[in-house]
């Protein structure tokens, strides 16, 4: 039944071509968000929270980000992002030329994840703002950034 509801929501969003901001929470949100990004040319800001964003979900999201050249803000709330997830996310950032803001609230990042993120943001010329409110952020991780 979720697939049917999801299909209807995606179909409705596809017809709403002026959609600029989208905020979704929950596990189904990742699939919905990845489908929406691909079909919302005016989308400028996405927010995804409180879900189990695992490697597959991050792959979907990262692939979608690559197809959203006008995306300016990405916010991820409350995730434990593995190094593999951060690698996928970091690769996607490199293909987001308009990205101005990254918000990672209450997300768990390793030092290696911070290194991946810091390398990626060097290739994000429009990036102006990074917010990291991460409970496990170490001094070493901050130095990497």
N, C-alpha and C. Protein backbone atom coordinates (compact mmCIF):
# COMPACT_ATOMS: atom_id res chain seq x y z
N UNK A 1 0.82 -1.20 0.00
CA UNK A 1 0.00 0.00 0.00
C UNK A 1 0.86 1.26 0.00
N UNK A 2 2.01 1.23 0.71
CA UNK A 2 2.89 2.39 0.71
C UNK A 2 3.32 2.76 -0.69
N UNK A 3 3.62 1.74 -1.53
CA UNK A 3 4.01 2.01 -2.91
C UNK A 3 2.94 2.76 -3.66
N UNK A 4 1.68 2.42 -3.43
CA UNK A 4 0.57 3.09 -4.09
C UNK A 4 0.48 4.54 -3.64
N UNK A 5 0.57 4.78 -2.35
CA UNK A 5 0.54 6.14 -1.81
C UNK A 5 1.75 6.91 -2.34
N UNK A 6 2.91 6.30 -2.30
CA UNK A 6 4.13 6.93 -2.79
C UNK A 6 3.99 7.29 -4.26
N UNK A 7 3.48 6.37 -5.05
CA UNK A 7 3.28 6.64 -6.48
C UNK A 7 2.36 7.83 -6.70
N UNK A 8 1.32 7.93 -5.91
CA UNK A 8 0.38 9.06 -6.05
C UNK A 8 1.03 10.39 -5.67
N UNK A 9 1.81 10.36 -4.60
CA UNK A 9 2.49 11.59 -4.16
C UNK A 9 3.49 12.04 -5.22
N UNK A 10 4.29 11.11 -5.73
CA UNK A 10 5.27 11.45 -6.76
C UNK A 10 4.57 11.97 -8.01
N UNK A 11 3.47 11.35 -8.41
CA UNK A 11 2.72 11.81 -9.59
C UNK A 11 2.19 13.23 -9.38
N UNK A 12 1.71 13.51 -8.19
CA UNK A 12 1.21 14.86 -7.90
C UNK A 12 2.33 15.89 -7.94
N UNK A 13 3.48 15.54 -7.38
CA UNK A 13 4.61 16.46 -7.37
C UNK A 13 5.13 16.71 -8.78
N UNK A 14 5.10 15.71 -9.62
CA UNK A 14 5.55 15.87 -11.01
C UNK A 14 4.73 16.94 -11.72
N UNK A 15 3.47 17.08 -11.36
CA UNK A 15 2.61 18.09 -11.99
C UNK A 15 2.81 19.47 -11.37
N UNK A 16 3.47 19.52 -10.24
CA UNK A 16 3.68 20.78 -9.54
C UNK A 16 5.12 21.24 -9.85
N UNK A 17 5.33 21.75 -11.03
CA UNK A 17 6.68 22.05 -11.51
C UNK A 17 7.32 23.24 -10.81
N UNK A 18 6.54 24.01 -10.05
CA UNK A 18 7.11 25.18 -9.37
C UNK A 18 7.57 24.87 -7.94
N UNK A 19 7.51 23.61 -7.51
CA UNK A 19 7.92 23.22 -6.17
C UNK A 19 9.38 23.62 -5.93
N UNK A 20 9.62 24.40 -4.86
CA UNK A 20 10.97 24.87 -4.57
C UNK A 20 11.56 24.28 -3.29
N UNK A 21 10.73 23.94 -2.33
CA UNK A 21 11.21 23.44 -1.04
C UNK A 21 10.45 22.17 -0.68
N UNK A 22 11.17 21.16 -0.23
CA UNK A 22 10.55 19.90 0.14
C UNK A 22 11.19 19.37 1.41
N UNK A 23 10.36 19.07 2.40
CA UNK A 23 10.82 18.53 3.67
C UNK A 23 10.04 17.26 3.97
N UNK A 24 10.78 16.18 4.21
CA UNK A 24 10.16 14.87 4.42
C UNK A 24 10.88 14.16 5.56
N UNK A 25 10.13 13.40 6.34
CA UNK A 25 10.78 12.59 7.37
C UNK A 25 10.28 11.16 7.27
N UNK A 26 11.05 10.24 7.80
CA UNK A 26 10.70 8.83 7.78
C UNK A 26 11.44 8.09 6.68
N UNK A 27 11.41 6.78 6.76
CA UNK A 27 12.15 5.94 5.81
C UNK A 27 11.61 6.07 4.39
N UNK A 28 10.31 6.17 4.23
CA UNK A 28 9.73 6.31 2.91
C UNK A 28 10.15 7.62 2.28
N UNK A 29 10.52 8.58 3.11
CA UNK A 29 10.92 9.89 2.63
C UNK A 29 12.09 9.87 1.67
N UNK A 30 13.04 8.97 1.87
CA UNK A 30 14.21 8.91 1.00
C UNK A 30 13.81 8.58 -0.43
N UNK A 31 12.97 7.58 -0.59
CA UNK A 31 12.52 7.22 -1.93
C UNK A 31 11.70 8.34 -2.55
N UNK A 32 10.79 8.90 -1.76
CA UNK A 32 9.96 10.00 -2.25
C UNK A 32 10.83 11.18 -2.65
N UNK A 33 11.79 11.52 -1.81
CA UNK A 33 12.66 12.65 -2.08
C UNK A 33 13.49 12.42 -3.34
N UNK A 34 14.04 11.24 -3.49
CA UNK A 34 14.87 10.97 -4.66
C UNK A 34 14.05 11.02 -5.95
N UNK A 35 12.83 10.54 -5.91
CA UNK A 35 11.95 10.62 -7.08
C UNK A 35 11.53 12.06 -7.36
N UNK A 36 11.27 12.81 -6.32
CA UNK A 36 10.81 14.19 -6.46
C UNK A 36 11.90 15.07 -7.06
N UNK A 37 13.12 14.92 -6.58
CA UNK A 37 14.23 15.75 -7.06
C UNK A 37 14.37 15.62 -8.57
N UNK A 38 14.23 14.43 -9.06
CA UNK A 38 14.38 14.18 -10.51
C UNK A 38 13.29 14.86 -11.34
N UNK A 39 12.14 15.12 -10.73
CA UNK A 39 11.00 15.64 -11.49
C UNK A 39 10.52 17.01 -11.02
N UNK A 40 11.35 17.73 -10.32
CA UNK A 40 10.98 19.06 -9.83
C UNK A 40 12.10 20.04 -10.22
N UNK A 41 12.04 20.58 -11.43
CA UNK A 41 13.13 21.41 -11.92
C UNK A 41 13.37 22.69 -11.12
N UNK A 42 12.37 23.17 -10.40
CA UNK A 42 12.52 24.42 -9.64
C UNK A 42 12.98 24.16 -8.20
N UNK A 43 13.16 22.90 -7.82
CA UNK A 43 13.50 22.55 -6.44
C UNK A 43 14.85 23.16 -6.04
N UNK A 44 14.83 23.90 -4.94
CA UNK A 44 16.03 24.60 -4.46
C UNK A 44 16.50 24.08 -3.11
N UNK A 45 15.59 23.49 -2.33
CA UNK A 45 15.93 23.10 -0.97
C UNK A 45 15.27 21.77 -0.62
N UNK A 46 16.06 20.85 -0.05
CA UNK A 46 15.51 19.58 0.41
C UNK A 46 15.92 19.35 1.86
N UNK A 47 15.03 18.72 2.59
CA UNK A 47 15.26 18.39 3.98
C UNK A 47 14.74 16.99 4.23
N UNK A 48 15.59 16.15 4.79
CA UNK A 48 15.22 14.77 5.06
C UNK A 48 15.61 14.46 6.49
N UNK A 49 14.66 13.91 7.26
CA UNK A 49 14.97 13.66 8.65
C UNK A 49 14.40 12.40 9.22
N UNK A 50 15.05 11.96 10.29
CA UNK A 50 14.57 10.88 11.15
C UNK A 50 14.25 9.60 10.41
N UNK A 51 15.19 9.11 9.68
CA UNK A 51 14.98 7.84 9.00
C UNK A 51 16.24 7.02 9.02
N UNK A 52 16.13 5.81 8.58
CA UNK A 52 17.29 4.93 8.50
C UNK A 52 17.96 5.08 7.16
N UNK A 53 18.66 6.18 6.96
CA UNK A 53 19.32 6.42 5.69
C UNK A 53 20.55 5.54 5.60
N UNK A 54 20.38 4.40 4.98
CA UNK A 54 21.48 3.46 4.84
C UNK A 54 22.10 3.65 3.46
N UNK A 55 23.03 2.79 3.10
CA UNK A 55 23.76 2.95 1.83
C UNK A 55 22.82 3.03 0.63
N UNK A 56 21.80 2.18 0.58
CA UNK A 56 20.89 2.19 -0.57
C UNK A 56 20.12 3.51 -0.63
N UNK A 57 19.64 3.98 0.50
CA UNK A 57 18.92 5.25 0.53
C UNK A 57 19.80 6.41 0.14
N UNK A 58 21.05 6.41 0.62
CA UNK A 58 21.97 7.49 0.26
C UNK A 58 22.33 7.41 -1.21
N UNK A 59 22.42 6.20 -1.77
CA UNK A 59 22.69 6.07 -3.21
C UNK A 59 21.55 6.70 -4.00
N UNK A 60 20.31 6.42 -3.61
CA UNK A 60 19.16 7.03 -4.28
C UNK A 60 19.20 8.55 -4.18
N UNK A 61 19.45 9.04 -2.98
CA UNK A 61 19.50 10.47 -2.76
C UNK A 61 20.65 11.11 -3.53
N UNK A 62 21.83 10.51 -3.49
CA UNK A 62 22.99 11.05 -4.18
C UNK A 62 22.79 11.09 -5.70
N UNK A 63 22.22 10.03 -6.24
CA UNK A 63 21.92 10.01 -7.68
C UNK A 63 20.96 11.13 -8.05
N UNK A 64 19.98 11.35 -7.20
CA UNK A 64 19.00 12.41 -7.46
C UNK A 64 19.65 13.79 -7.38
N UNK A 65 20.53 14.00 -6.40
CA UNK A 65 21.20 15.29 -6.25
C UNK A 65 21.99 15.62 -7.52
N UNK A 66 22.58 14.62 -8.12
CA UNK A 66 23.35 14.83 -9.36
C UNK A 66 22.45 15.33 -10.50
N UNK A 67 21.16 15.08 -10.41
CA UNK A 67 20.21 15.49 -11.45
C UNK A 67 19.44 16.74 -11.06
N UNK A 68 19.94 17.48 -10.09
CA UNK A 68 19.25 18.69 -9.61
C UNK A 68 20.25 19.86 -9.63
N UNK A 69 20.55 20.38 -10.80
CA UNK A 69 21.58 21.42 -10.89
C UNK A 69 21.24 22.71 -10.16
N UNK A 70 19.97 22.97 -9.87
CA UNK A 70 19.58 24.19 -9.18
C UNK A 70 19.48 24.06 -7.67
N UNK A 71 19.78 22.87 -7.14
CA UNK A 71 19.66 22.62 -5.71
C UNK A 71 20.65 23.48 -4.93
N UNK A 72 20.13 24.25 -3.97
CA UNK A 72 20.96 25.18 -3.21
C UNK A 72 21.17 24.77 -1.76
N UNK A 73 20.26 23.99 -1.19
CA UNK A 73 20.36 23.65 0.23
C UNK A 73 19.97 22.18 0.45
N UNK A 74 20.82 21.48 1.18
CA UNK A 74 20.55 20.10 1.58
C UNK A 74 20.64 20.02 3.09
N UNK A 75 19.58 19.51 3.72
CA UNK A 75 19.56 19.33 5.17
C UNK A 75 19.24 17.88 5.49
N UNK A 76 20.07 17.28 6.32
CA UNK A 76 19.84 15.92 6.79
C UNK A 76 19.83 15.96 8.31
N UNK A 77 18.75 15.44 8.90
CA UNK A 77 18.55 15.52 10.35
C UNK A 77 18.50 14.14 10.97
N UNK A 78 19.30 13.93 12.00
CA UNK A 78 19.19 12.74 12.84
C UNK A 78 19.59 11.44 12.20
N UNK A 79 20.66 11.42 11.46
CA UNK A 79 21.12 10.19 10.83
C UNK A 79 22.47 9.78 11.39
N UNK A 80 22.72 8.49 11.39
CA UNK A 80 24.05 7.97 11.67
C UNK A 80 24.62 7.61 10.31
N UNK A 81 25.43 8.50 9.78
CA UNK A 81 25.93 8.35 8.41
C UNK A 81 27.23 7.57 8.38
N UNK A 82 27.19 6.39 7.79
CA UNK A 82 28.40 5.57 7.68
C UNK A 82 29.38 6.24 6.72
N UNK A 83 30.61 5.78 6.75
CA UNK A 83 31.60 6.32 5.83
C UNK A 83 31.19 6.09 4.38
N UNK A 84 30.56 4.94 4.11
CA UNK A 84 30.08 4.66 2.75
C UNK A 84 28.99 5.65 2.35
N UNK A 85 28.08 5.99 3.27
CA UNK A 85 27.05 6.98 2.98
C UNK A 85 27.67 8.35 2.72
N UNK A 86 28.65 8.71 3.55
CA UNK A 86 29.31 10.01 3.36
C UNK A 86 30.10 10.06 2.07
N UNK A 87 30.64 8.93 1.65
CA UNK A 87 31.36 8.89 0.38
C UNK A 87 30.40 9.17 -0.77
N UNK A 88 29.23 8.53 -0.75
CA UNK A 88 28.21 8.77 -1.78
C UNK A 88 27.74 10.22 -1.76
N UNK A 89 27.47 10.74 -0.56
CA UNK A 89 27.01 12.12 -0.41
C UNK A 89 28.08 13.10 -0.90
N UNK A 90 29.33 12.84 -0.54
CA UNK A 90 30.43 13.71 -0.94
C UNK A 90 30.60 13.73 -2.46
N UNK A 91 30.45 12.58 -3.09
CA UNK A 91 30.54 12.52 -4.55
C UNK A 91 29.40 13.32 -5.19
N UNK A 92 28.22 13.26 -4.60
CA UNK A 92 27.07 14.01 -5.14
C UNK A 92 27.29 15.51 -5.01
N UNK A 93 27.88 15.95 -3.90
CA UNK A 93 28.13 17.38 -3.69
C UNK A 93 28.99 17.95 -4.81
N UNK A 94 29.92 17.16 -5.28
CA UNK A 94 30.81 17.61 -6.36
C UNK A 94 30.03 17.90 -7.66
N UNK A 95 28.82 17.35 -7.77
CA UNK A 95 28.00 17.53 -8.98
C UNK A 95 26.80 18.43 -8.72
N UNK A 96 26.90 19.27 -7.71
CA UNK A 96 25.81 20.19 -7.36
C UNK A 96 26.35 21.62 -7.44
N UNK A 97 26.41 22.18 -8.64
CA UNK A 97 27.08 23.47 -8.84
C UNK A 97 26.45 24.65 -8.11
N UNK A 98 25.17 24.58 -7.79
CA UNK A 98 24.49 25.71 -7.14
C UNK A 98 24.41 25.55 -5.63
N UNK A 99 24.93 24.45 -5.09
CA UNK A 99 24.80 24.16 -3.66
C UNK A 99 25.46 25.24 -2.81
N UNK A 100 24.67 25.87 -1.96
CA UNK A 100 25.15 26.95 -1.11
C UNK A 100 25.18 26.59 0.37
N UNK A 101 24.39 25.59 0.77
CA UNK A 101 24.23 25.30 2.19
C UNK A 101 24.09 23.80 2.43
N UNK A 102 24.83 23.31 3.43
CA UNK A 102 24.71 21.92 3.88
C UNK A 102 24.46 21.96 5.39
N UNK A 103 23.39 21.30 5.81
CA UNK A 103 23.04 21.23 7.23
C UNK A 103 23.00 19.77 7.65
N UNK A 104 23.84 19.41 8.59
CA UNK A 104 23.83 18.06 9.14
C UNK A 104 23.58 18.18 10.63
N UNK A 105 22.32 18.07 11.03
CA UNK A 105 21.91 18.23 12.42
C UNK A 105 21.76 16.88 13.10
N UNK A 106 22.35 16.77 14.28
CA UNK A 106 22.24 15.55 15.08
C UNK A 106 22.59 14.31 14.27
N UNK A 107 23.52 14.47 13.36
CA UNK A 107 23.98 13.35 12.56
C UNK A 107 25.31 12.88 13.10
N UNK A 108 25.53 11.61 13.06
CA UNK A 108 26.78 11.04 13.56
C UNK A 108 27.74 10.87 12.38
N UNK A 109 28.92 11.47 12.53
CA UNK A 109 29.94 11.42 11.49
C UNK A 109 31.26 10.95 12.10
N UNK A 110 31.95 10.08 11.40
CA UNK A 110 33.27 9.65 11.84
C UNK A 110 34.31 10.65 11.35
N UNK A 111 35.53 10.53 11.86
CA UNK A 111 36.61 11.38 11.37
C UNK A 111 36.84 11.14 9.88
N UNK A 112 36.77 9.89 9.45
CA UNK A 112 36.94 9.59 8.03
C UNK A 112 35.81 10.22 7.21
N UNK A 113 34.61 10.21 7.74
CA UNK A 113 33.48 10.86 7.07
C UNK A 113 33.70 12.36 6.94
N UNK A 114 34.27 12.96 7.99
CA UNK A 114 34.58 14.39 7.93
C UNK A 114 35.64 14.68 6.87
N UNK A 115 36.60 13.78 6.75
CA UNK A 115 37.64 13.95 5.73
C UNK A 115 37.01 13.91 4.33
N UNK A 116 36.11 12.96 4.11
CA UNK A 116 35.42 12.86 2.82
C UNK A 116 34.62 14.13 2.53
N UNK A 117 33.92 14.60 3.54
CA UNK A 117 33.11 15.81 3.39
C UNK A 117 33.99 17.02 3.10
N UNK A 118 35.10 17.15 3.81
CA UNK A 118 35.97 18.31 3.60
C UNK A 118 36.59 18.31 2.20
N UNK A 119 36.92 17.12 1.69
CA UNK A 119 37.46 17.04 0.33
C UNK A 119 36.40 17.43 -0.70
N UNK A 120 35.16 17.03 -0.45
CA UNK A 120 34.08 17.33 -1.40
C UNK A 120 33.75 18.81 -1.44
N UNK A 121 33.73 19.47 -0.29
CA UNK A 121 33.32 20.88 -0.28
C UNK A 121 34.35 21.77 -0.97
N UNK A 122 35.56 21.28 -1.14
CA UNK A 122 36.56 22.03 -1.90
C UNK A 122 36.17 22.14 -3.37
N UNK A 123 35.27 21.27 -3.81
CA UNK A 123 34.81 21.25 -5.20
C UNK A 123 33.40 21.79 -5.33
N UNK A 124 32.96 22.55 -4.35
CA UNK A 124 31.61 23.13 -4.35
C UNK A 124 31.78 24.66 -4.32
N UNK A 125 31.96 25.27 -5.49
CA UNK A 125 32.32 26.69 -5.54
C UNK A 125 31.28 27.64 -4.97
N UNK A 126 30.01 27.27 -4.97
CA UNK A 126 28.96 28.17 -4.49
C UNK A 126 28.69 28.01 -2.99
N UNK A 127 29.30 27.00 -2.35
CA UNK A 127 29.03 26.70 -0.95
C UNK A 127 29.42 27.87 -0.05
N UNK A 128 28.45 28.31 0.75
CA UNK A 128 28.67 29.45 1.65
C UNK A 128 28.45 29.09 3.12
N UNK A 129 27.72 28.02 3.39
CA UNK A 129 27.28 27.74 4.76
C UNK A 129 27.29 26.24 5.02
N UNK A 130 27.93 25.85 6.10
CA UNK A 130 27.91 24.46 6.56
C UNK A 130 27.53 24.48 8.03
N UNK A 131 26.52 23.73 8.39
CA UNK A 131 26.13 23.62 9.78
C UNK A 131 26.28 22.17 10.21
N UNK A 132 27.14 21.96 11.20
CA UNK A 132 27.37 20.62 11.74
C UNK A 132 27.03 20.65 13.22
N UNK A 133 25.94 20.04 13.57
CA UNK A 133 25.58 19.90 14.97
C UNK A 133 25.57 18.41 15.26
N UNK A 134 26.77 17.88 15.37
CA UNK A 134 26.97 16.44 15.48
C UNK A 134 27.50 16.08 16.85
N UNK A 135 26.84 15.18 17.55
CA UNK A 135 27.25 14.87 18.92
C UNK A 135 28.60 14.18 19.03
N UNK A 136 29.03 13.47 18.00
CA UNK A 136 30.27 12.71 18.09
C UNK A 136 31.43 13.36 17.35
N UNK A 137 31.31 14.61 17.01
CA UNK A 137 32.36 15.29 16.25
C UNK A 137 33.58 15.50 17.14
N UNK A 138 34.71 15.00 16.70
CA UNK A 138 35.93 15.11 17.49
C UNK A 138 36.73 16.34 17.07
N UNK A 139 37.71 16.69 17.88
CA UNK A 139 38.61 17.80 17.53
C UNK A 139 39.33 17.49 16.23
N UNK A 140 39.76 16.22 16.08
CA UNK A 140 40.44 15.81 14.85
C UNK A 140 39.52 15.96 13.65
N UNK A 141 38.26 15.58 13.81
CA UNK A 141 37.28 15.73 12.72
C UNK A 141 37.10 17.19 12.31
N UNK A 142 37.06 18.07 13.31
CA UNK A 142 36.93 19.50 13.01
C UNK A 142 38.16 20.04 12.30
N UNK A 143 39.34 19.56 12.69
CA UNK A 143 40.57 20.00 12.01
C UNK A 143 40.58 19.55 10.56
N UNK A 144 40.01 18.39 10.29
CA UNK A 144 39.94 17.91 8.91
C UNK A 144 39.07 18.82 8.06
N UNK A 145 38.05 19.38 8.67
CA UNK A 145 37.16 20.27 7.93
C UNK A 145 37.84 21.60 7.68
